[in-house]
Amino acid sequence: MFNLKGRVAVISGASSGLGKQMARAFAAQGANLAILARRIEKLEELKTELEGTGVRVLPIKCDVTLTEDINNAAALVENTFGKVDILVNCAGSSKDKGVLEMTDEEWNFTIDTDLTSVFRMTRAFANIMKKNNYGRVINIASMYGMVGNSEIPTIAYHSSKGGVVNFTRAAAAELAPYNITVNAICPGYFYTELTTAVLDTPQFQEFAKSHVPMKRYGKEGELNAGAIFLASEEASYVTGVILPIDGGYTAV
């Protein structure tokens, strides 16, 4: 089960963090990869690593806030591989401020990077999937898209990820006639370039122990099983699902 050999997976935000982890996971299952990010040098390093597993890897410099970049990337992937089977929308960033302090510029940056980019990427690559009547779209949202939090004021991030959650449901309904499933994973606390400084503070570690039932952060690789399942042929009747992988944070 869950063999992805011969499939073509597009992963945004693949230069670091969760996107890089996803790329490794899909390569391990045999999928050929198009890896997208702004830092092409990081992608080239990852390409060398992943090609050691025997898969084809296409690194593409792409800013997911730019429609032209996305459309060019989609055309390049289609020309190179002839199809797109899987899209993982993993790119994102955030300006962390509360509702009383956040500026328009900080709000717009976060919404554009974390929500509007998911729309743009899905539009571009699902149109390729439609041609083959097959596709798997996996949006990396956040448990913060399902709940608020009392520790860090980050109103735009909550809003953008909540938008990704319901975008997932709406897109699932719209794309189902084309045999394209659309699902979301909502990670809990995982180490990335954007989170390490906060997660390493004693204050936040104490907060996590008291609020996460498993009393720890997520470990590298613990998102992979959910992503591989949602990308698989075996999950062909699973769509519109919001899957928290958060150590139980949203269960209590």
C-alpha atoms as a PDB file:
ATOM      1  CA  MET A   1       0.000   0.000   0.000  1.00  0.00           C
ATOM      2  CA  PHE A   2       0.874   3.691  -0.408  1.00  0.00           C
ATOM      3  CA  ASN A   3       3.342   3.104  -3.252  1.00  0.00           C
ATOM      4  CA  LEU A   4       3.768   6.379  -5.160  1.00  0.00           C
ATOM      5  CA  LYS A   5       6.211   5.117  -7.778  1.00  0.00           C
ATOM      6  CA  GLY A   6       5.584   6.918 -11.072  1.00  0.00           C
ATOM      7  CA  ARG A   7       3.534   9.681  -9.496  1.00  0.00           C
ATOM      8  CA  VAL A   8       4.559  13.321  -9.871  1.00  0.00           C
ATOM      9  CA  ALA A   9       4.393  15.402  -6.688  1.00  0.00           C
ATOM     10  CA  VAL A  10       4.745  19.189  -6.549  1.00  0.00           C
ATOM     11  CA  ILE A  11       5.792  20.561  -3.158  1.00  0.00           C
ATOM     12  CA  SER A  12       5.992  24.271  -2.364  1.00  0.00           C
ATOM     13  CA  GLY A  13       8.107  25.624   0.456  1.00  0.00           C
ATOM     14  CA  ALA A  14      10.478  22.695  -0.050  1.00  0.00           C
ATOM     15  CA  SER A  15      13.723  24.485   0.799  1.00  0.00           C
ATOM     16  CA  SER A  16      13.343  23.966   4.552  1.00  0.00           C
ATOM     17  CA  GLY A  17      11.101  22.900   7.408  1.00  0.00           C
ATOM     18  CA  LEU A  18       7.955  20.893   6.800  1.00  0.00           C
ATOM     19  CA  GLY A  19       8.188  21.193   3.016  1.00  0.00           C
ATOM     20  CA  LYS A  20      11.644  19.635   3.013  1.00  0.00           C
ATOM     21  CA  GLN A  21      10.386  16.837   5.243  1.00  0.00           C
ATOM     22  CA  MET A  22       7.499  16.208   2.864  1.00  0.00           C
ATOM     23  CA  ALA A  23       9.847  16.055  -0.127  1.00  0.00           C
ATOM     24  CA  ARG A  24      11.939  13.400   1.589  1.00  0.00           C
ATOM     25  CA  ALA A  25       8.825  11.417   2.498  1.00  0.00           C
ATOM     26  CA  PHE A  26       7.421  11.418  -1.037  1.00  0.00           C
ATOM     27  CA  ALA A  27      10.788  10.514  -2.549  1.00  0.00           C
ATOM     28  CA  ALA A  28      11.009   7.565  -0.158  1.00  0.00           C
ATOM     29  CA  GLN A  29       7.679   6.329  -1.556  1.00  0.00           C
ATOM     30  CA  GLY A  30       8.988   6.557  -5.116  1.00  0.00           C
ATOM     31  CA  ALA A  31       7.357   9.777  -6.334  1.00  0.00           C
ATOM     32  CA  ASN A  32       9.120  12.031  -8.815  1.00  0.00           C
ATOM     33  CA  LEU A  33       9.268  15.576  -7.476  1.00  0.00           C
ATOM     34  CA  ALA A  34       9.028  19.202  -8.467  1.00  0.00           C
ATOM     35  CA  ILE A  35      10.290  21.164  -5.477  1.00  0.00           C
ATOM     36  CA  LEU A  36       9.457  24.882  -5.291  1.00  0.00           C
ATOM     37  CA  ALA A  37      10.818  27.708  -3.140  1.00  0.00           C
ATOM     38  CA  ARG A  38      12.496  31.088  -3.439  1.00  0.00           C
ATOM     39  CA  ARG A  39      15.939  29.827  -2.406  1.00  0.00           C
ATOM     40  CA  ILE A  40      17.054  27.855  -5.438  1.00  0.00           C
ATOM     41  CA  GLU A  41      20.433  26.996  -3.879  1.00  0.00           C
ATOM     42  CA  LYS A  42      18.643  25.136  -1.060  1.00  0.00           C
ATOM     43  CA  LEU A  43      16.549  23.275  -3.621  1.00  0.00           C
ATOM     44  CA  GLU A  44      19.633  22.243  -5.563  1.00  0.00           C
ATOM     45  CA  GLU A  45      21.125  20.777  -2.378  1.00  0.00           C
ATOM     46  CA  LEU A  46      17.908  18.859  -1.719  1.00  0.00           C
ATOM     47  CA  LYS A  47      17.806  17.635  -5.312  1.00  0.00           C
ATOM     48  CA  THR A  48      21.215  16.011  -4.924  1.00  0.00           C
ATOM     49  CA  GLU A  49      20.071  14.284  -1.743  1.00  0.00           C
ATOM     50  CA  LEU A  50      16.742  13.054  -3.120  1.00  0.00           C
ATOM     51  CA  GLU A  51      18.086  11.813  -6.429  1.00  0.00           C
ATOM     52  CA  GLY A  52      20.087   9.317  -4.394  1.00  0.00           C
ATOM     53  CA  THR A  53      16.801   7.490  -3.810  1.00  0.00           C
ATOM     54  CA  GLY A  54      16.368   6.959  -7.549  1.00  0.00           C
ATOM     55  CA  VAL A  55      13.633   9.505  -8.277  1.00  0.00           C
ATOM     56  CA  ARG A  56      13.630  12.453 -10.676  1.00  0.00           C
ATOM     57  CA  VAL A  57      13.758  15.884  -9.037  1.00  0.00           C
ATOM     58  CA  LEU A  58      13.046  19.252 -10.658  1.00  0.00           C
ATOM     59  CA  PRO A  59      13.963  22.301  -8.537  1.00  0.00           C
ATOM     60  CA  ILE A  60      12.101  25.493  -9.464  1.00  0.00           C
ATOM     61  CA  LYS A  61      12.614  28.968  -8.062  1.00  0.00           C
ATOM     62  CA  CYS A  62       9.121  30.202  -7.263  1.00  0.00           C
ATOM     63  CA  ASP A  63       7.623  32.925  -5.091  1.00  0.00           C
ATOM     64  CA  VAL A  64       4.111  31.717  -4.246  1.00  0.00           C
ATOM     65  CA  THR A  65       2.899  35.299  -3.815  1.00  0.00           C
ATOM     66  CA  LEU A  66       3.481  35.928  -7.540  1.00  0.00           C
ATOM     67  CA  THR A  67       0.952  34.534 -10.009  1.00  0.00           C
ATOM     68  CA  GLU A  68       3.460  34.707 -12.867  1.00  0.00           C
ATOM     69  CA  ASP A  69       5.985  32.599 -10.942  1.00  0.00           C
ATOM     70  CA  ILE A  70       3.338  29.983 -10.160  1.00  0.00           C
ATOM     71  CA  ASN A  71       2.019  29.791 -13.715  1.00  0.00           C
ATOM     72  CA  ASN A  72       5.542  29.498 -15.094  1.00  0.00           C
ATOM     73  CA  ALA A  73       6.315  26.734 -12.598  1.00  0.00           C
ATOM     74  CA  ALA A  74       3.145  24.856 -13.553  1.00  0.00           C
ATOM     75  CA  ALA A  75       4.029  25.024 -17.252  1.00  0.00           C
ATOM     76  CA  LEU A  76       7.576  23.817 -16.559  1.00  0.00           C
ATOM     77  CA  VAL A  77       6.367  20.867 -14.480  1.00  0.00           C
ATOM     78  CA  GLU A  78       3.851  19.836 -17.131  1.00  0.00           C
ATOM     79  CA  ASN A  79       6.434  20.136 -19.907  1.00  0.00           C
ATOM     80  CA  THR A  80       8.961  18.111 -17.914  1.00  0.00           C
ATOM     81  CA  PHE A  81       6.800  15.344 -16.498  1.00  0.00           C
ATOM     82  CA  GLY A  82       3.684  15.485 -18.662  1.00  0.00           C
ATOM     83  CA  LYS A  83       1.358  15.510 -15.675  1.00  0.00           C
ATOM     84  CA  VAL A  84       0.846  16.444 -12.024  1.00  0.00           C
ATOM     85  CA  ASP A  85      -0.603  13.873  -9.630  1.00  0.00           C
ATOM     86  CA  ILE A  86      -0.004  15.425  -6.212  1.00  0.00           C
ATOM     87  CA  LEU A  87       0.231  19.009  -4.967  1.00  0.00           C
ATOM     88  CA  VAL A  88       1.409  19.800  -1.439  1.00  0.00           C
ATOM     89  CA  ASN A  89       0.859  23.448  -0.539  1.00  0.00           C
ATOM     90  CA  CYS A  90       3.437  23.903   2.190  1.00  0.00           C
ATOM     91  CA  ALA A  91       4.919  27.375   1.617  1.00  0.00           C
ATOM     92  CA  GLY A  92       4.083  30.003   4.198  1.00  0.00           C
ATOM     93  CA  SER A  93       5.223  32.759   6.504  1.00  0.00           C
ATOM     94  CA  SER A  94       3.673  35.056   9.075  1.00  0.00           C
ATOM     95  CA  LYS A  95       3.890  38.405  10.834  1.00  0.00           C
ATOM     96  CA  ASP A  96       2.931  37.775  14.442  1.00  0.00           C
ATOM     97  CA  LYS A  97       0.944  40.602  15.983  1.00  0.00           C
ATOM     98  CA  GLY A  98      -2.373  40.856  17.784  1.00  0.00           C
ATOM     99  CA  VAL A  99      -5.543  42.390  16.392  1.00  0.00           C
ATOM    100  CA  LEU A 100      -4.930  45.698  18.213  1.00  0.00           C
ATOM    101  CA  GLU A 101      -1.378  46.194  16.946  1.00  0.00           C
ATOM    102  CA  MET A 102      -1.202  44.565  13.505  1.00  0.00           C
ATOM    103  CA  THR A 103      -0.700  46.875  10.540  1.00  0.00           C
ATOM    104  CA  ASP A 104      -2.389  46.532   7.163  1.00  0.00           C
ATOM    105  CA  GLU A 105       0.959  45.617   5.635  1.00  0.00           C
ATOM    106  CA  GLU A 106       1.573  42.811   8.161  1.00  0.00           C
ATOM    107  CA  TRP A 107      -1.961  41.482   7.696  1.00  0.00           C
ATOM    108  CA  ASN A 108      -1.739  41.532   3.897  1.00  0.00           C
ATOM    109  CA  PHE A 109       1.684  39.857   3.903  1.00  0.00           C
ATOM    110  CA  THR A 110       0.419  36.946   5.991  1.00  0.00           C
ATOM    111  CA  ILE A 111      -2.872  36.469   4.136  1.00  0.00           C
ATOM    112  CA  ASP A 112      -1.144  36.644   0.755  1.00  0.00           C
ATOM    113  CA  THR A 113       1.598  34.199   1.719  1.00  0.00           C
ATOM    114  CA  ASP A 114      -0.453  31.683   3.688  1.00  0.00           C
ATOM    115  CA  LEU A 115      -3.911  31.779   2.069  1.00  0.00           C
ATOM    116  CA  THR A 116      -3.956  33.466  -1.325  1.00  0.00           C
ATOM    117  CA  SER A 117      -0.924  31.439  -2.394  1.00  0.00           C
ATOM    118  CA  VAL A 118      -2.870  28.219  -1.741  1.00  0.00           C
ATOM    119  CA  PHE A 119      -5.617  29.433  -4.072  1.00  0.00           C
ATOM    120  CA  ARG A 120      -3.130  30.420  -6.781  1.00  0.00           C
ATOM    121  CA  MET A 121      -1.170  27.173  -6.564  1.00  0.00           C
ATOM    122  CA  THR A 122      -4.292  25.023  -6.548  1.00  0.00           C
ATOM    123  CA  ARG A 123      -5.756  26.873  -9.516  1.00  0.00           C
ATOM    124  CA  ALA A 124      -2.610  26.417 -11.585  1.00  0.00           C
ATOM    125  CA  PHE A 125      -1.863  22.785 -10.808  1.00  0.00           C
ATOM    126  CA  ALA A 126      -5.427  21.471 -10.507  1.00  0.00           C
ATOM    127  CA  ASN A 127      -6.021  22.637 -14.071  1.00  0.00           C
ATOM    128  CA  ILE A 128      -3.261  20.219 -15.097  1.00  0.00           C
ATOM    129  CA  MET A 129      -4.740  17.458 -12.936  1.00  0.00           C
ATOM    130  CA  LYS A 130      -8.135  17.991 -14.562  1.00  0.00           C
ATOM    131  CA  LYS A 131      -6.706  17.009 -17.954  1.00  0.00           C
ATOM    132  CA  ASN A 132      -5.888  13.539 -16.600  1.00  0.00           C
ATOM    133  CA  ASN A 133      -8.977  13.245 -14.394  1.00  0.00           C
ATOM    134  CA  TYR A 134      -6.775  12.545 -11.384  1.00  0.00           C
ATOM    135  CA  GLY A 135      -5.229  14.489  -8.537  1.00  0.00           C
ATOM    136  CA  ARG A 136      -4.422  14.813  -4.870  1.00  0.00           C
ATOM    137  CA  VAL A 137      -4.161  18.274  -3.290  1.00  0.00           C
ATOM    138  CA  ILE A 138      -2.839  18.452   0.266  1.00  0.00           C
ATOM    139  CA  ASN A 139      -2.884  21.807   2.025  1.00  0.00           C
ATOM    140  CA  ILE A 140      -0.679  22.316   5.061  1.00  0.00           C
ATOM    141  CA  ALA A 141      -2.842  24.448   7.330  1.00  0.00           C
ATOM    142  CA  SER A 142      -2.338  24.565  11.119  1.00  0.00           C
ATOM    143  CA  MET A 143      -4.121  23.642  14.309  1.00  0.00           C
ATOM    144  CA  TYR A 144      -4.278  27.427  14.721  1.00  0.00           C
ATOM    145  CA  GLY A 145      -6.688  27.389  11.788  1.00  0.00           C
ATOM    146  CA  MET A 146      -9.119  25.463  14.006  1.00  0.00           C
ATOM    147  CA  VAL A 147      -8.746  27.255  17.344  1.00  0.00           C
ATOM    148  CA  GLY A 148      -7.453  30.441  18.913  1.00  0.00           C
ATOM    149  CA  ASN A 149      -4.565  30.581  21.359  1.00  0.00           C
ATOM    150  CA  SER A 150      -3.811  32.486  24.546  1.00  0.00           C
ATOM    151  CA  GLU A 151      -0.011  32.499  24.383  1.00  0.00           C
ATOM    152  CA  ILE A 152       1.054  34.271  21.170  1.00  0.00           C
ATOM    153  CA  PRO A 153      -0.993  37.052  19.522  1.00  0.00           C
ATOM    154  CA  THR A 154      -0.966  36.147  15.818  1.00  0.00           C
ATOM    155  CA  ILE A 155      -4.345  37.150  14.417  1.00  0.00           C
ATOM    156  CA  ALA A 156      -3.457  37.066  10.720  1.00  0.00           C
ATOM    157  CA  TYR A 157      -1.939  33.578  10.979  1.00  0.00           C
ATOM    158  CA  HIS A 158      -5.069  32.224  12.660  1.00  0.00           C
ATOM    159  CA  SER A 159      -7.190  33.889  10.012  1.00  0.00           C
ATOM    160  CA  SER A 160      -5.143  32.685   7.057  1.00  0.00           C
ATOM    161  CA  LYS A 161      -4.993  29.099   8.257  1.00  0.00           C
ATOM    162  CA  GLY A 162      -8.707  29.131   9.068  1.00  0.00           C
ATOM    163  CA  GLY A 163      -9.190  30.272   5.489  1.00  0.00           C
ATOM    164  CA  VAL A 164      -7.081  27.354   4.238  1.00  0.00           C
ATOM    165  CA  VAL A 165      -9.267  24.951   6.216  1.00  0.00           C
ATOM    166  CA  ASN A 166     -12.486  26.098   4.565  1.00  0.00           C
ATOM    167  CA  PHE A 167     -10.825  26.635   1.180  1.00  0.00           C
ATOM    168  CA  THR A 168      -9.992  22.934   1.408  1.00  0.00           C
ATOM    169  CA  ARG A 169     -13.627  21.982   1.929  1.00  0.00           C
ATOM    170  CA  ALA A 170     -14.860  24.240  -0.870  1.00  0.00           C
ATOM    171  CA  ALA A 171     -12.201  23.088  -3.332  1.00  0.00           C
ATOM    172  CA  ALA A 172     -12.904  19.456  -2.443  1.00  0.00           C
ATOM    173  CA  ALA A 173     -16.539  19.912  -3.419  1.00  0.00           C
ATOM    174  CA  GLU A 174     -15.692  21.746  -6.649  1.00  0.00           C
ATOM    175  CA  LEU A 175     -12.954  19.391  -7.837  1.00  0.00           C
ATOM    176  CA  ALA A 176     -14.557  16.067  -6.920  1.00  0.00           C
ATOM    177  CA  PRO A 177     -16.117  15.641 -10.417  1.00  0.00           C
ATOM    178  CA  TYR A 178     -12.581  15.591 -11.857  1.00  0.00           C
ATOM    179  CA  ASN A 179     -11.402  12.831  -9.496  1.00  0.00           C
ATOM    180  CA  ILE A 180      -9.277  15.347  -7.600  1.00  0.00           C
ATOM    181  CA  THR A 181      -9.288  15.075  -3.822  1.00  0.00           C
ATOM    182  CA  VAL A 182      -8.466  18.060  -1.624  1.00  0.00           C
ATOM    183  CA  ASN A 183      -7.541  17.609   2.028  1.00  0.00           C
ATOM    184  CA  ALA A 184      -5.706  19.542   4.723  1.00  0.00           C
ATOM    185  CA  ILE A 185      -3.239  18.641   7.434  1.00  0.00           C
ATOM    186  CA  CYS A 186      -3.210  20.834  10.539  1.00  0.00           C
ATOM    187  CA  PRO A 187       0.178  20.466  12.243  1.00  0.00           C
ATOM    188  CA  GLY A 188       0.693  21.263  15.871  1.00  0.00           C
ATOM    189  CA  TYR A 189       3.990  22.502  17.255  1.00  0.00           C
ATOM    190  CA  PHE A 190       6.872  21.397  15.022  1.00  0.00           C
ATOM    191  CA  TYR A 191      10.364  22.831  14.701  1.00  0.00           C
ATOM    192  CA  THR A 192      10.948  24.900  11.553  1.00  0.00           C
ATOM    193  CA  GLU A 193      13.077  27.941  10.735  1.00  0.00           C
ATOM    194  CA  LEU A 194      10.113  30.130  11.676  1.00  0.00           C
ATOM    195  CA  THR A 195       9.248  28.437  14.986  1.00  0.00           C
ATOM    196  CA  THR A 196      12.526  27.396  16.595  1.00  0.00           C
ATOM    197  CA  ALA A 197      13.192  30.652  18.444  1.00  0.00           C
ATOM    198  CA  VAL A 198       9.776  30.538  20.123  1.00  0.00           C
ATOM    199  CA  LEU A 199       9.614  26.790  20.758  1.00  0.00           C
ATOM    200  CA  ASP A 200      13.000  26.794  22.472  1.00  0.00           C
ATOM    201  CA  THR A 201      11.997  29.306  25.154  1.00  0.00           C
ATOM    202  CA  PRO A 202      11.347  27.856  28.632  1.00  0.00           C
ATOM    203  CA  GLN A 203       8.065  29.786  28.777  1.00  0.00           C
ATOM    204  CA  PHE A 204       6.686  28.176  25.644  1.00  0.00           C
ATOM    205  CA  GLN A 205       7.955  24.724  26.549  1.00  0.00           C
ATOM    206  CA  GLU A 206       6.028  24.971  29.809  1.00  0.00           C
ATOM    207  CA  PHE A 207       2.961  26.187  27.913  1.00  0.00           C
ATOM    208  CA  ALA A 208       3.144  23.212  25.526  1.00  0.00           C
ATOM    209  CA  LYS A 209       3.461  20.715  28.370  1.00  0.00           C
ATOM    210  CA  SER A 210       0.302  22.073  29.956  1.00  0.00           C
ATOM    211  CA  HIS A 211      -1.739  22.386  26.731  1.00  0.00           C
ATOM    212  CA  VAL A 212      -0.635  19.471  24.532  1.00  0.00           C
ATOM    213  CA  PRO A 213      -1.973  16.153  25.900  1.00  0.00           C
ATOM    214  CA  MET A 214       1.128  14.291  24.673  1.00  0.00           C
ATOM    215  CA  LYS A 215       3.218  16.928  26.515  1.00  0.00           C
ATOM    216  CA  ARG A 216       5.759  17.431  23.744  1.00  0.00           C
ATOM    217  CA  TYR A 217       6.319  18.995  20.331  1.00  0.00           C
ATOM    218  CA  GLY A 218       5.977  17.022  17.123  1.00  0.00           C
ATOM    219  CA  LYS A 219       9.084  15.224  15.875  1.00  0.00           C
ATOM    220  CA  GLU A 220      10.510  15.364  12.374  1.00  0.00           C
ATOM    221  CA  GLY A 221       8.685  12.829  10.211  1.00  0.00           C
ATOM    222  CA  GLU A 222       5.502  12.651  12.274  1.00  0.00           C
ATOM    223  CA  LEU A 223       3.531  14.486   9.561  1.00  0.00           C
ATOM    224  CA  ASN A 224       4.693  12.155   6.810  1.00  0.00           C
ATOM    225  CA  ALA A 225       2.270   9.285   7.350  1.00  0.00           C
ATOM    226  CA  GLY A 226      -0.726  11.619   7.086  1.00  0.00           C
ATOM    227  CA  ALA A 227       0.580  13.207   3.895  1.00  0.00           C
ATOM    228  CA  ILE A 228       1.423   9.884   2.237  1.00  0.00           C
ATOM    229  CA  PHE A 229      -2.006   8.500   3.134  1.00  0.00           C
ATOM    230  CA  LEU A 230      -3.837  11.494   1.663  1.00  0.00           C
ATOM    231  CA  ALA A 231      -1.690  11.331  -1.493  1.00  0.00           C
ATOM    232  CA  SER A 232      -2.229   7.635  -2.031  1.00  0.00           C
ATOM    233  CA  GLU A 233      -4.477   5.767  -4.419  1.00  0.00           C
ATOM    234  CA  GLU A 234      -5.958   4.010  -1.387  1.00  0.00           C
ATOM    235  CA  ALA A 235      -7.364   7.365  -0.149  1.00  0.00           C
ATOM    236  CA  SER A 236      -9.420   7.839  -3.321  1.00  0.00           C
ATOM    237  CA  TYR A 237     -12.687   8.330  -1.362  1.00  0.00           C
ATOM    238  CA  VAL A 238     -11.200  10.740   1.180  1.00  0.00           C
ATOM    239  CA  THR A 239     -11.783  14.401   0.372  1.00  0.00           C
ATOM    240  CA  GLY A 240     -12.578  17.570   2.284  1.00  0.00           C
ATOM    241  CA  VAL A 241     -10.920  16.133   5.397  1.00  0.00           C
ATOM    242  CA  ILE A 242      -9.176  18.320   7.973  1.00  0.00           C
ATOM    243  CA  LEU A 243      -6.560  16.171   9.723  1.00  0.00           C
ATOM    244  CA  PRO A 244      -4.950  17.565  12.889  1.00  0.00           C
ATOM    245  CA  ILE A 245      -1.536  16.108  13.706  1.00  0.00           C
ATOM    246  CA  ASP A 246      -1.000  17.978  16.933  1.00  0.00           C
ATOM    247  CA  GLY A 247      -0.473  15.618  19.850  1.00  0.00           C
ATOM    248  CA  GLY A 248      -4.087  16.144  20.889  1.00  0.00           C
ATOM    249  CA  TYR A 249      -4.007  19.953  21.191  1.00  0.00           C
ATOM    250  CA  THR A 250      -7.338  20.452  19.393  1.00  0.00           C
ATOM    251  CA  ALA A 251      -8.967  17.520  21.214  1.00  0.00           C
ATOM    252  CA  VAL A 252      -9.197  19.321  24.554  1.00  0.00           C
END
